[in-house]
Protein backbone atom coordinates (compact mmCIF):
# COMPACT_ATOMS: atom_id res chain seq x y z
CA MET A 1 87.65 38.14 -17.54
CA ASN A 2 86.26 41.20 -18.36
CA ILE A 3 82.79 41.64 -16.55
CA CYS A 4 85.25 40.62 -12.69
CA GLN A 5 87.22 43.29 -14.11
CA ALA A 6 84.57 45.90 -14.69
CA HIS A 7 82.70 44.66 -11.68
CA GLY A 8 86.01 45.30 -9.81
CA VAL A 9 86.26 48.98 -11.09
CA CYS A 10 83.10 49.35 -10.44
CA LEU A 11 83.26 48.62 -6.77
CA GLU A 12 86.53 50.72 -6.34
CA LEU A 13 85.12 53.53 -7.80
CA LEU A 14 81.76 53.67 -5.32
CA GLY A 15 84.52 53.44 -2.59
CA TRP A 16 86.26 56.24 -4.46
CA TRP A 17 83.20 58.53 -4.73
CA GLU A 18 81.83 57.86 -1.01
CA SER A 19 85.69 58.51 0.45
CA ASN A 20 85.96 61.97 -1.12
CA TYR A 21 81.76 62.81 -1.26
CA ARG A 22 78.76 63.00 0.92
CA ALA A 23 75.18 63.77 0.04
CA THR A 24 73.00 65.58 1.63
CA SER A 25 69.49 66.20 1.09
CA PRO A 26 66.98 68.41 3.64
CA ALA A 27 64.21 65.80 2.82
CA ALA A 28 66.07 62.22 2.96
CA THR A 29 64.21 59.95 5.81
CA ASN A 30 66.18 57.99 8.38
CA SER A 31 66.27 55.01 6.02
CA THR A 32 67.47 57.05 3.05
CA ALA A 33 69.80 58.85 4.78
CA ASP A 34 71.54 55.45 6.31
CA ALA A 35 72.40 54.62 2.87
CA ALA A 36 75.26 55.82 1.09
CA PHE A 37 74.41 58.15 -1.90
CA ALA A 38 76.14 56.02 -4.65
CA THR A 39 74.57 52.99 -2.61
CA CYS A 40 70.99 54.42 -3.40
CA LEU A 41 71.46 55.51 -7.19
CA VAL A 42 73.21 51.75 -7.96
CA VAL A 43 69.83 50.09 -5.89
CA ALA A 44 67.47 51.82 -7.50
CA GLN A 45 69.22 51.71 -11.28
CA ALA A 46 69.37 48.18 -10.91
CA ALA A 47 65.54 47.57 -9.30
CA VAL A 48 64.69 49.53 -12.37
CA VAL A 49 66.50 47.06 -14.66
CA LEU A 50 64.22 44.25 -12.88
CA LYS A 51 61.00 46.31 -13.26
CA TYR A 52 61.79 46.19 -16.79
CA LYS A 53 62.65 42.75 -17.04
CA GLU A 54 59.04 41.77 -15.51
CA SER A 55 57.32 43.86 -17.73
CA ALA A 56 58.91 42.45 -20.72
CA GLU A 57 58.27 38.83 -19.71
CA GLU A 58 54.89 39.95 -19.12
CA ASP A 59 54.43 41.36 -22.71
CA GLU A 60 56.14 38.37 -24.12
CA ARG A 61 58.56 40.26 -25.33
CA GLU A 62 62.00 37.95 -25.97
CA GLY A 63 64.92 38.93 -24.77
CA ALA A 64 68.47 37.50 -23.91
CA PRO A 65 68.17 33.29 -24.24
CA GLY A 66 68.03 31.61 -20.73
CA CYS A 67 67.85 35.11 -18.83
CA THR A 68 64.71 35.47 -17.16
CA ALA A 69 63.23 37.78 -14.24
CA SER A 70 63.92 35.43 -11.48
CA LEU A 71 67.54 34.56 -12.57
CA LEU A 72 68.10 38.25 -12.82
CA SER A 73 66.60 39.02 -9.56
CA LEU A 74 69.40 36.18 -8.30
CA GLN A 75 72.28 37.68 -10.09
CA ILE A 76 71.56 41.34 -8.61
CA GLU A 77 70.92 40.67 -5.06
CA ASN A 78 74.33 38.85 -5.68
CA ILE A 79 75.91 41.75 -6.50
CA ILE A 80 73.85 43.99 -3.71
CA SER A 81 75.24 42.21 -1.25
CA ILE A 82 78.78 43.03 -1.46
CA ILE A 83 77.88 47.02 -1.68
CA PRO A 84 77.75 48.35 1.80
CA GLY A 85 74.42 49.50 2.67
CA GLY A 86 73.25 47.75 -0.79
CA PRO A 87 71.04 45.19 1.44
CA LEU A 88 68.98 47.39 3.39
CA GLU A 89 68.77 49.77 0.72
CA TRP A 90 67.36 46.87 -1.75
CA GLU A 91 64.69 45.92 1.05
CA ARG A 92 63.88 49.59 1.55
CA ILE A 93 63.01 50.12 -2.10
CA HIS A 94 60.82 46.87 -2.32
CA ASN A 95 59.04 47.56 1.34
CA THR A 96 58.16 51.29 0.43
CA PRO A 97 55.60 52.43 -1.71
CA SER A 98 56.64 55.46 -3.91
CA GLU A 99 56.79 56.43 -7.63
CA VAL A 100 59.56 55.51 -9.02
CA ASP A 101 60.53 56.94 -12.46
CA ALA A 102 60.55 53.72 -14.65
CA LYS A 103 63.50 55.34 -17.04
CA LEU A 104 65.42 57.27 -14.09
CA GLY A 105 65.07 54.62 -11.19
CA PHE A 106 64.54 56.87 -8.21
CA ASN A 107 61.21 59.47 -7.60
CA THR A 108 63.08 62.85 -8.60
CA ASP A 109 61.36 64.84 -5.89
CA ASP A 110 63.91 62.62 -3.34
CA TRP A 111 66.59 63.80 -4.74
CA MET A 112 65.54 67.54 -6.40
CA HIS A 113 67.45 69.13 -3.09
CA THR A 114 70.51 66.94 -2.84
CA GLU A 115 73.83 68.90 -2.42
CA ILE A 116 76.89 67.02 -3.55
CA ILE A 117 79.85 67.74 -0.55
CA GLY A 118 83.24 67.69 -1.17
CA ARG A 119 85.32 65.79 1.47
CA GLU A 120 88.52 67.35 1.83
CA LEU A 121 91.09 65.97 4.57
CA GLN A 122 93.44 67.96 6.28
CA ASN A 123 95.87 67.58 9.51
CA TYR A 124 92.79 68.97 11.72
CA GLY A 125 90.25 66.46 10.77
CA GLU A 126 87.85 66.23 8.21
CA SER A 127 86.55 69.40 6.55
CA THR A 128 84.01 69.69 3.61
CA ARG A 129 83.87 72.36 0.92
CA THR A 130 80.05 72.53 -1.13
CA LEU A 131 79.91 71.69 -4.37
CA GLY A 132 76.59 73.00 -5.05
CA PRO A 133 72.94 71.46 -5.54
CA LEU A 134 72.48 68.38 -7.52
CA TYR A 135 69.82 69.09 -10.69
CA TRP A 136 68.24 66.66 -12.72
CA ILE A 137 67.42 67.42 -16.14
């Protein structure tokens, strides 16, 4: 029950984020620009978790009983399938060779100049206010 509730809360938070903010990046490619900022981050993190599990199996490190990389992959793909833009971003990550940081889950160069823009809804349409650049430590 707690897992289902946490999953629902996460989806609501992602929806809230995308309705209140957007990210812009001068270096964004067409494929990266197609996916929402939160979707890109969640999918990148899922890819790193799977990569870690695969490397743990290769090193014969013991993990949770019954948890294999193939079963974890199925679980991740199941969750990503209900995130808007998730399946396309998952496919892009797996088909695009890149130097992904094993701890962060993404290439820091891709996100270095990302800027978060707040969305303000007004009677006359949508305007935005800039929150500033996003810096990774």
